[in-house]
PDB file of N, CA and C in Angstrom:
ATOM      1  N   UNK A   1      89.080  82.899 116.712  1.00  0.00           N
ATOM      2  CA  UNK A   1      89.857  83.930 116.077  1.00  0.00           C
ATOM      3  C   UNK A   1      88.982  85.146 115.739  1.00  0.00           C
ATOM      4  N   UNK A   2      87.826  84.915 115.154  1.00  0.00           N
ATOM      5  CA  UNK A   2      86.954  86.031 114.785  1.00  0.00           C
ATOM      6  C   UNK A   2      86.400  86.696 116.037  1.00  0.00           C
ATOM      7  N   UNK A   3      86.005  85.906 117.031  1.00  0.00           N
ATOM      8  CA  UNK A   3      85.491  86.489 118.277  1.00  0.00           C
ATOM      9  C   UNK A   3      86.567  87.323 118.965  1.00  0.00           C
ATOM     10  N   UNK A   4      87.801  86.864 118.941  1.00  0.00           N
ATOM     11  CA  UNK A   4      88.903  87.635 119.539  1.00  0.00           C
ATOM     12  C   UNK A   4      89.091  88.961 118.808  1.00  0.00           C
ATOM     13  N   UNK A   5      89.051  88.904 117.491  1.00  0.00           N
ATOM     14  CA  UNK A   5      89.182  90.131 116.697  1.00  0.00           C
ATOM     15  C   UNK A   5      88.045  91.101 117.019  1.00  0.00           C
ATOM     16  N   UNK A   6      86.812  90.584 117.049  1.00  0.00           N
ATOM     17  CA  UNK A   6      85.671  91.449 117.351  1.00  0.00           C
ATOM     18  C   UNK A   6      85.767  91.993 118.776  1.00  0.00           C
ATOM     19  N   UNK A   7      86.280  91.191 119.704  1.00  0.00           N
ATOM     20  CA  UNK A   7      86.486  91.667 121.072  1.00  0.00           C
ATOM     21  C   UNK A   7      87.473  92.815 121.117  1.00  0.00           C
ATOM     22  N   UNK A   8      88.546  92.710 120.352  1.00  0.00           N
ATOM     23  CA  UNK A   8      89.529  93.793 120.289  1.00  0.00           C
ATOM     24  C   UNK A   8      88.902  95.048 119.682  1.00  0.00           C
ATOM     25  N   UNK A   9      88.090  94.867 118.668  1.00  0.00           N
ATOM     26  CA  UNK A   9      87.395  96.015 118.063  1.00  0.00           C
ATOM     27  C   UNK A   9      86.420  96.643 119.071  1.00  0.00           C
ATOM     28  N   UNK A  10      85.751  95.808 119.862  1.00  0.00           N
ATOM     29  CA  UNK A  10      84.850  96.312 120.901  1.00  0.00           C
ATOM     30  C   UNK A  10      85.647  97.090 121.939  1.00  0.00           C
ATOM     31  N   UNK A  11      86.795  96.560 122.350  1.00  0.00           N
ATOM     32  CA  UNK A  11      87.634  97.238 123.344  1.00  0.00           C
ATOM     33  C   UNK A  11      88.114  98.601 122.843  1.00  0.00           C
ATOM     34  N   UNK A  12      88.282  98.728 121.526  1.00  0.00           N
ATOM     35  CA  UNK A  12      88.699 100.002 120.937  1.00  0.00           C
ATOM     36  C   UNK A  12      87.525 100.953 120.683  1.00  0.00           C
ATOM     37  N   UNK A  13      86.314 100.486 120.972  1.00  0.00           N
ATOM     38  CA  UNK A  13      85.141 101.342 120.809  1.00  0.00           C
ATOM     39  C   UNK A  13      84.554 101.351 119.419  1.00  0.00           C
ATOM     40  N   UNK A  14      84.989 100.462 118.558  1.00  0.00           N
ATOM     41  CA  UNK A  14      84.482 100.427 117.193  1.00  0.00           C
ATOM     42  C   UNK A  14      83.224  99.581 117.070  1.00  0.00           C
ATOM     43  N   UNK A  15      83.009  98.721 118.062  1.00  0.00           N
ATOM     44  CA  UNK A  15      81.786  97.925 118.163  1.00  0.00           C
ATOM     45  C   UNK A  15      81.183  98.268 119.511  1.00  0.00           C
ATOM     46  N   UNK A  16      79.869  98.316 119.588  1.00  0.00           N
ATOM     47  CA  UNK A  16      79.175  98.698 120.813  1.00  0.00           C
ATOM     48  C   UNK A  16      79.660  97.890 122.010  1.00  0.00           C
ATOM     49  N   UNK A  17      79.781  98.562 123.147  1.00  0.00           N
ATOM     50  CA  UNK A  17      80.313  97.952 124.366  1.00  0.00           C
ATOM     51  C   UNK A  17      79.531  96.712 124.787  1.00  0.00           C
ATOM     52  N   UNK A  18      78.239  96.686 124.569  1.00  0.00           N
ATOM     53  CA  UNK A  18      77.421  95.560 124.985  1.00  0.00           C
ATOM     54  C   UNK A  18      77.310  94.442 123.974  1.00  0.00           C
ATOM     55  N   UNK A  19      78.045  94.532 122.883  1.00  0.00           N
ATOM     56  CA  UNK A  19      77.946  93.528 121.820  1.00  0.00           C
ATOM     57  C   UNK A  19      78.454  92.167 122.296  1.00  0.00           C
ATOM     58  N   UNK A  20      77.717  91.129 121.982  1.00  0.00           N
ATOM     59  CA  UNK A  20      78.113  89.750 122.290  1.00  0.00           C
ATOM     60  C   UNK A  20      78.961  89.250 121.123  1.00  0.00           C
ATOM     61  N   UNK A  21      80.280  89.382 121.253  1.00  0.00           N
ATOM     62  CA  UNK A  21      81.167  89.068 120.138  1.00  0.00           C
ATOM     63  C   UNK A  21      81.175  87.575 119.794  1.00  0.00           C
ATOM     64  N   UNK A  22      80.912  86.734 120.755  1.00  0.00           N
ATOM     65  CA  UNK A  22      80.827  85.302 120.470  1.00  0.00           C
ATOM     66  C   UNK A  22      79.673  84.985 119.539  1.00  0.00           C
ATOM     67  N   UNK A  23      78.528  85.599 119.812  1.00  0.00           N
ATOM     68  CA  UNK A  23      77.360  85.402 118.952  1.00  0.00           C
ATOM     69  C   UNK A  23      77.572  86.039 117.590  1.00  0.00           C
ATOM     70  N   UNK A  24      78.176  87.223 117.559  1.00  0.00           N
ATOM     71  CA  UNK A  24      78.462  87.866 116.273  1.00  0.00           C
ATOM     72  C   UNK A  24      79.398  87.007 115.429  1.00  0.00           C
ATOM     73  N   UNK A  25      80.443  86.473 116.051  1.00  0.00           N
ATOM     74  CA  UNK A  25      81.391  85.637 115.317  1.00  0.00           C
ATOM     75  C   UNK A  25      80.689  84.402 114.755  1.00  0.00           C
ATOM     76  N   UNK A  26      79.902  83.738 115.583  1.00  0.00           N
ATOM     77  CA  UNK A  26      79.187  82.543 115.123  1.00  0.00           C
ATOM     78  C   UNK A  26      78.212  82.885 114.003  1.00  0.00           C
ATOM     79  N   UNK A  27      77.563  84.029 114.109  1.00  0.00           N
ATOM     80  CA  UNK A  27      76.613  84.451 113.076  1.00  0.00           C
ATOM     81  C   UNK A  27      77.332  84.720 111.762  1.00  0.00           C
ATOM     82  N   UNK A  28      78.486  85.390 111.819  1.00  0.00           N
ATOM     83  CA  UNK A  28      79.266  85.634 110.601  1.00  0.00           C
ATOM     84  C   UNK A  28      79.690  84.319 109.952  1.00  0.00           C
ATOM     85  N   UNK A  29      80.201  83.398 110.756  1.00  0.00           N
ATOM     86  CA  UNK A  29      80.664  82.118 110.218  1.00  0.00           C
ATOM     87  C   UNK A  29      79.506  81.341 109.609  1.00  0.00           C
ATOM     88  N   UNK A  30      78.419  81.222 110.337  1.00  0.00           N
ATOM     89  CA  UNK A  30      77.291  80.419 109.856  1.00  0.00           C
ATOM     90  C   UNK A  30      76.612  81.047 108.648  1.00  0.00           C
ATOM     91  N   UNK A  31      76.472  82.363 108.662  1.00  0.00           N
ATOM     92  CA  UNK A  31      75.849  83.032 107.518  1.00  0.00           C
ATOM     93  C   UNK A  31      76.731  82.882 106.285  1.00  0.00           C
ATOM     94  N   UNK A  32      78.025  83.081 106.453  1.00  0.00           N
ATOM     95  CA  UNK A  32      78.944  82.899 105.330  1.00  0.00           C
ATOM     96  C   UNK A  32      78.878  81.482 104.786  1.00  0.00           C
ATOM     97  N   UNK A  33      78.785  80.531 105.682  1.00  0.00           N
ATOM     98  CA  UNK A  33      78.703  79.134 105.247  1.00  0.00           C
ATOM     99  C   UNK A  33      77.414  78.893 104.465  1.00  0.00           C
ATOM    100  N   UNK A  34      76.299  79.357 104.993  1.00  0.00           N
ATOM    101  CA  UNK A  34      75.012  79.151 104.312  1.00  0.00           C
ATOM    102  C   UNK A  34      74.969  79.815 102.939  1.00  0.00           C
ATOM    103  N   UNK A  35      75.553  80.994 102.843  1.00  0.00           N
ATOM    104  CA  UNK A  35      75.492  81.735 101.584  1.00  0.00           C
ATOM    105  C   UNK A  35      76.540  81.296 100.564  1.00  0.00           C
ATOM    106  N   UNK A  36      77.707  80.895 101.021  1.00  0.00           N
ATOM    107  CA  UNK A  36      78.815  80.732 100.092  1.00  0.00           C
ATOM    108  C   UNK A  36      79.470  79.358 100.067  1.00  0.00           C
ATOM    109  N   UNK A  37      79.230  78.481 101.008  1.00  0.00           N
ATOM    110  CA  UNK A  37      79.992  77.237 101.106  1.00  0.00           C
ATOM    111  C   UNK A  37      79.622  76.194 100.060  1.00  0.00           C
ATOM    112  N   UNK A  38      78.442  76.243  99.512  1.00  0.00           N
ATOM    113  CA  UNK A  38      78.013  75.202  98.582  1.00  0.00           C
ATOM    114  C   UNK A  38      78.270  75.597  97.131  1.00  0.00           C
ATOM    115  N   UNK A  39      79.225  76.438  96.923  1.00  0.00           N
ATOM    116  CA  UNK A  39      79.527  76.905  95.566  1.00  0.00           C
ATOM    117  C   UNK A  39      80.477  75.947  94.877  1.00  0.00           C
ATOM    118  N   UNK A  40      80.196  75.701  93.635  1.00  0.00           N
ATOM    119  CA  UNK A  40      81.105  74.856  92.861  1.00  0.00           C
ATOM    120  C   UNK A  40      81.932  75.691  91.889  1.00  0.00           C
ATOM    121  N   UNK A  41      81.584  76.941  91.744  1.00  0.00           N
ATOM    122  CA  UNK A  41      82.306  77.817  90.824  1.00  0.00           C
ATOM    123  C   UNK A  41      83.300  78.692  91.550  1.00  0.00           C
ATOM    124  N   UNK A  42      83.383  79.906  91.103  1.00  0.00           N
ATOM    125  CA  UNK A  42      84.321  80.879  91.648  1.00  0.00           C
ATOM    126  C   UNK A  42      83.921  81.282  93.075  1.00  0.00           C
ATOM    127  N   UNK A  43      84.878  81.764  93.852  1.00  0.00           N
ATOM    128  CA  UNK A  43      84.552  82.268  95.192  1.00  0.00           C
ATOM    129  C   UNK A  43      83.586  83.446  95.091  1.00  0.00           C
ATOM    130  N   UNK A  44      82.894  83.768  96.167  1.00  0.00           N
ATOM    131  CA  UNK A  44      81.962  84.896  96.121  1.00  0.00           C
ATOM    132  C   UNK A  44      82.701  86.206  95.854  1.00  0.00           C
ATOM    133  N   UNK A  45      82.015  87.110  95.239  1.00  0.00           N
ATOM    134  CA  UNK A  45      82.570  88.438  94.992  1.00  0.00           C
ATOM    135  C   UNK A  45      82.717  89.164  96.331  1.00  0.00           C
ATOM    136  N   UNK A  46      83.765  89.955  96.493  1.00  0.00           N
ATOM    137  CA  UNK A  46      83.946  90.705  97.739  1.00  0.00           C
ATOM    138  C   UNK A  46      82.733  91.556  98.114  1.00  0.00           C
ATOM    139  N   UNK A  47      82.038  92.108  97.132  1.00  0.00           N
ATOM    140  CA  UNK A  47      80.865  92.927  97.436  1.00  0.00           C
ATOM    141  C   UNK A  47      79.772  92.089  98.111  1.00  0.00           C
ATOM    142  N   UNK A  48      79.621  90.832  97.724  1.00  0.00           N
ATOM    143  CA  UNK A  48      78.626  89.961  98.353  1.00  0.00           C
ATOM    144  C   UNK A  48      79.015  89.656  99.798  1.00  0.00           C
ATOM    145  N   UNK A  49      80.309  89.456 100.032  1.00  0.00           N
ATOM    146  CA  UNK A  49      80.777  89.195 101.396  1.00  0.00           C
ATOM    147  C   UNK A  49      80.605  90.442 102.247  1.00  0.00           C
ATOM    148  N   UNK A  50      80.960  91.598 101.715  1.00  0.00           N
ATOM    149  CA  UNK A  50      80.793  92.859 102.460  1.00  0.00           C
ATOM    150  C   UNK A  50      79.332  93.091 102.824  1.00  0.00           C
ATOM    151  N   UNK A  51      78.448  92.796 101.906  1.00  0.00           N
ATOM    152  CA  UNK A  51      77.012  92.979 102.155  1.00  0.00           C
ATOM    153  C   UNK A  51      76.559  92.090 103.314  1.00  0.00           C
ATOM    154  N   UNK A  52      77.001  90.845 103.342  1.00  0.00           N
ATOM    155  CA  UNK A  52      76.645  89.925 104.411  1.00  0.00           C
ATOM    156  C   UNK A  52      77.205  90.407 105.747  1.00  0.00           C
ATOM    157  N   UNK A  53      78.486  90.791 105.771  1.00  0.00           N
ATOM    158  CA  UNK A  53      79.103  91.258 107.010  1.00  0.00           C
ATOM    159  C   UNK A  53      78.411  92.522 107.502  1.00  0.00           C
ATOM    160  N   UNK A  54      78.124  93.444 106.608  1.00  0.00           N
ATOM    161  CA  UNK A  54      77.452  94.688 106.994  1.00  0.00           C
ATOM    162  C   UNK A  54      76.087  94.408 107.613  1.00  0.00           C
ATOM    163  N   UNK A  55      75.366  93.454 107.072  1.00  0.00           N
ATOM    164  CA  UNK A  55      74.058  93.110 107.620  1.00  0.00           C
ATOM    165  C   UNK A  55      74.172  92.523 109.021  1.00  0.00           C
ATOM    166  N   UNK A  56      75.177  91.674 109.232  1.00  0.00           N
ATOM    167  CA  UNK A  56      75.344  91.028 110.536  1.00  0.00           C
ATOM    168  C   UNK A  56      75.769  92.029 111.607  1.00  0.00           C
ATOM    169  N   UNK A  57      76.678  92.941 111.286  1.00  0.00           N
ATOM    170  CA  UNK A  57      77.193  93.848 112.314  1.00  0.00           C
ATOM    171  C   UNK A  57      76.470  95.195 112.384  1.00  0.00           C
ATOM    172  N   UNK A  58      75.453  95.385 111.572  1.00  0.00           N
ATOM    173  CA  UNK A  58      74.776  96.685 111.491  1.00  0.00           C
ATOM    174  C   UNK A  58      74.309  97.211 112.849  1.00  0.00           C
ATOM    175  N   UNK A  59      73.820  96.347 113.702  1.00  0.00           N
ATOM    176  CA  UNK A  59      73.285  96.801 114.982  1.00  0.00           C
ATOM    177  C   UNK A  59      74.332  97.146 116.030  1.00  0.00           C
ATOM    178  N   UNK A  60      75.579  96.750 115.823  1.00  0.00           N
ATOM    179  CA  UNK A  60      76.606  96.982 116.831  1.00  0.00           C
ATOM    180  C   UNK A  60      77.760  97.839 116.338  1.00  0.00           C
ATOM    181  N   UNK A  61      77.786  98.141 115.064  1.00  0.00           N
ATOM    182  CA  UNK A  61      78.886  98.906 114.486  1.00  0.00           C
ATOM    183  C   UNK A  61      78.827 100.348 114.953  1.00  0.00           C
ATOM    184  N   UNK A  62      79.956 100.883 115.363  1.00  0.00           N
ATOM    185  CA  UNK A  62      80.031 102.266 115.831  1.00  0.00           C
ATOM    186  C   UNK A  62      80.511 103.210 114.750  1.00  0.00           C
ATOM    187  N   UNK A  63      81.182 102.662 113.705  1.00  0.00           N
ATOM    188  CA  UNK A  63      81.677 103.479 112.599  1.00  0.00           C
ATOM    189  C   UNK A  63      81.269 102.841 111.292  1.00  0.00           C
ATOM    190  N   UNK A  64      81.260 103.600 110.239  1.00  0.00           N
ATOM    191  CA  UNK A  64      80.713 103.148 108.952  1.00  0.00           C
ATOM    192  C   UNK A  64      81.614 102.188 108.173  1.00  0.00           C
ATOM    193  N   UNK A  65      81.687 102.348 106.902  1.00  0.00           N
ATOM    194  CA  UNK A  65      82.241 101.380 105.953  1.00  0.00           C
ATOM    195  C   UNK A  65      83.628 100.846 106.271  1.00  0.00           C
ATOM    196  N   UNK A  66      84.527 101.666 106.767  1.00  0.00           N
ATOM    197  CA  UNK A  66      85.884 101.181 106.990  1.00  0.00           C
ATOM    198  C   UNK A  66      85.909 100.025 107.985  1.00  0.00           C
ATOM    199  N   UNK A  67      85.034 100.030 108.971  1.00  0.00           N
ATOM    200  CA  UNK A  67      84.958  98.934 109.942  1.00  0.00           C
ATOM    201  C   UNK A  67      84.515  97.653 109.255  1.00  0.00           C
ATOM    202  N   UNK A  68      83.506  97.726 108.427  1.00  0.00           N
ATOM    203  CA  UNK A  68      83.029  96.546 107.709  1.00  0.00           C
ATOM    204  C   UNK A  68      84.158  95.956 106.875  1.00  0.00           C
ATOM    205  N   UNK A  69      84.932  96.793 106.217  1.00  0.00           N
ATOM    206  CA  UNK A  69      86.040  96.304 105.407  1.00  0.00           C
ATOM    207  C   UNK A  69      87.081  95.586 106.252  1.00  0.00           C
ATOM    208  N   UNK A  70      87.363  96.101 107.465  1.00  0.00           N
ATOM    209  CA  UNK A  70      88.336  95.427 108.334  1.00  0.00           C
ATOM    210  C   UNK A  70      87.822  94.055 108.756  1.00  0.00           C
ATOM    211  N   UNK A  71      86.546  93.951 109.084  1.00  0.00           N
ATOM    212  CA  UNK A  71      85.986  92.662 109.499  1.00  0.00           C
ATOM    213  C   UNK A  71      86.003  91.689 108.327  1.00  0.00           C
ATOM    214  N   UNK A  72      85.634  92.141 107.144  1.00  0.00           N
ATOM    215  CA  UNK A  72      85.672  91.276 105.967  1.00  0.00           C
ATOM    216  C   UNK A  72      87.093  90.780 105.753  1.00  0.00           C
ATOM    217  N   UNK A  73      88.076  91.661 105.826  1.00  0.00           N
ATOM    218  CA  UNK A  73      89.465  91.256 105.632  1.00  0.00           C
ATOM    219  C   UNK A  73      89.885  90.229 106.658  1.00  0.00           C
ATOM    220  N   UNK A  74      89.459  90.402 107.885  1.00  0.00           N
ATOM    221  CA  UNK A  74      89.862  89.493 108.954  1.00  0.00           C
ATOM    222  C   UNK A  74      89.211  88.132 108.847  1.00  0.00           C
ATOM    223  N   UNK A  75      87.917  88.102 108.645  1.00  0.00           N
ATOM    224  CA  UNK A  75      87.230  86.813 108.751  1.00  0.00           C
ATOM    225  C   UNK A  75      87.124  86.082 107.427  1.00  0.00           C
ATOM    226  N   UNK A  76      87.239  86.753 106.334  1.00  0.00           N
ATOM    227  CA  UNK A  76      86.989  86.096 105.061  1.00  0.00           C
ATOM    228  C   UNK A  76      88.228  85.924 104.203  1.00  0.00           C
ATOM    229  N   UNK A  77      89.235  86.712 104.418  1.00  0.00           N
ATOM    230  CA  UNK A  77      90.433  86.635 103.612  1.00  0.00           C
ATOM    231  C   UNK A  77      91.657  86.510 104.509  1.00  0.00           C
ATOM    232  N   UNK A  78      91.543  85.720 105.547  1.00  0.00           N
ATOM    233  CA  UNK A  78      92.628  85.596 106.521  1.00  0.00           C
ATOM    234  C   UNK A  78      93.913  85.150 105.834  1.00  0.00           C
ATOM    235  N   UNK A  79      94.958  85.737 106.245  1.00  0.00           N
ATOM    236  CA  UNK A  79      96.258  85.412 105.685  1.00  0.00           C
ATOM    237  C   UNK A  79      97.284  86.378 106.212  1.00  0.00           C
ATOM    238  N   UNK A  80      98.472  86.358 105.678  1.00  0.00           N
ATOM    239  CA  UNK A  80      99.538  87.208 106.204  1.00  0.00           C
ATOM    240  C   UNK A  80      99.264  88.692 106.037  1.00  0.00           C
ATOM    241  N   UNK A  81      98.340  89.058 105.151  1.00  0.00           N
ATOM    242  CA  UNK A  81      98.049  90.471 104.916  1.00  0.00           C
ATOM    243  C   UNK A  81      97.094  91.057 105.949  1.00  0.00           C
ATOM    244  N   UNK A  82      96.488  90.221 106.800  1.00  0.00           N
ATOM    245  CA  UNK A  82      95.513  90.694 107.779  1.00  0.00           C
ATOM    246  C   UNK A  82      96.250  91.386 108.915  1.00  0.00           C
ATOM    247  N   UNK A  83      95.783  92.561 109.264  1.00  0.00           N
ATOM    248  CA  UNK A  83      96.400  93.319 110.339  1.00  0.00           C
ATOM    249  C   UNK A  83      95.534  93.256 111.589  1.00  0.00           C
ATOM    250  N   UNK A  84      96.163  93.311 112.725  1.00  0.00           N
ATOM    251  CA  UNK A  84      95.437  93.373 113.992  1.00  0.00           C
ATOM    252  C   UNK A  84      94.767  94.730 114.106  1.00  0.00           C
ATOM    253  N   UNK A  85      93.736  94.838 114.936  1.00  0.00           N
ATOM    254  CA  UNK A  85      93.082  96.133 115.121  1.00  0.00           C
ATOM    255  C   UNK A  85      94.086  97.184 115.579  1.00  0.00           C
ATOM    256  N   UNK A  86      93.973  98.350 115.013  1.00  0.00           N
ATOM    257  CA  UNK A  86      94.851  99.445 115.397  1.00  0.00           C
ATOM    258  C   UNK A  86      94.202 100.236 116.520  1.00  0.00           C
ATOM    259  N   UNK A  87      95.020 100.979 117.207  1.00  0.00           N
ATOM    260  CA  UNK A  87      94.477 101.810 118.274  1.00  0.00           C
ATOM    261  C   UNK A  87      93.569 102.871 117.671  1.00  0.00           C
ATOM    262  N   UNK A  88      92.753 103.428 118.512  1.00  0.00           N
ATOM    263  CA  UNK A  88      91.803 104.450 118.078  1.00  0.00           C
ATOM    264  C   UNK A  88      92.517 105.637 117.466  1.00  0.00           C
ATOM    265  N   UNK A  89      91.998 106.138 116.333  1.00  0.00           N
ATOM    266  CA  UNK A  89      92.616 107.334 115.749  1.00  0.00           C
ATOM    267  C   UNK A  89      92.324 108.559 116.628  1.00  0.00           C
ATOM    268  N   UNK A  90      93.220 109.532 116.632  1.00  0.00           N
ATOM    269  CA  UNK A  90      92.978 110.752 117.411  1.00  0.00           C
ATOM    270  C   UNK A  90      91.692 111.423 116.959  1.00  0.00           C
ATOM    271  N   UNK A  91      90.992 111.982 117.917  1.00  0.00           N
ATOM    272  CA  UNK A  91      89.717 112.649 117.569  1.00  0.00           C
ATOM    273  C   UNK A  91      89.781 114.124 117.800  1.00  0.00           C
TER     274      UNK A  91
END
């Protein structure tokens, strides 16, 4: 699911054309698990998740903060509120 989302973002030009979305997806999942899965208290703060996602996608991201927020929404807070990637905005 995450690799498909990242692939769609790559197809829209928001992630670098040469990005290996399978590796990025696995890295996001594994990093999130290592950082947040062993918690016995409250879920991680959104800022901590955004920081992790931003670090993972920093080398392939074509646009700034709004892209990171879309990836965080997709991979970390999946649910009915998650939207599919939108077409490129007019330039």
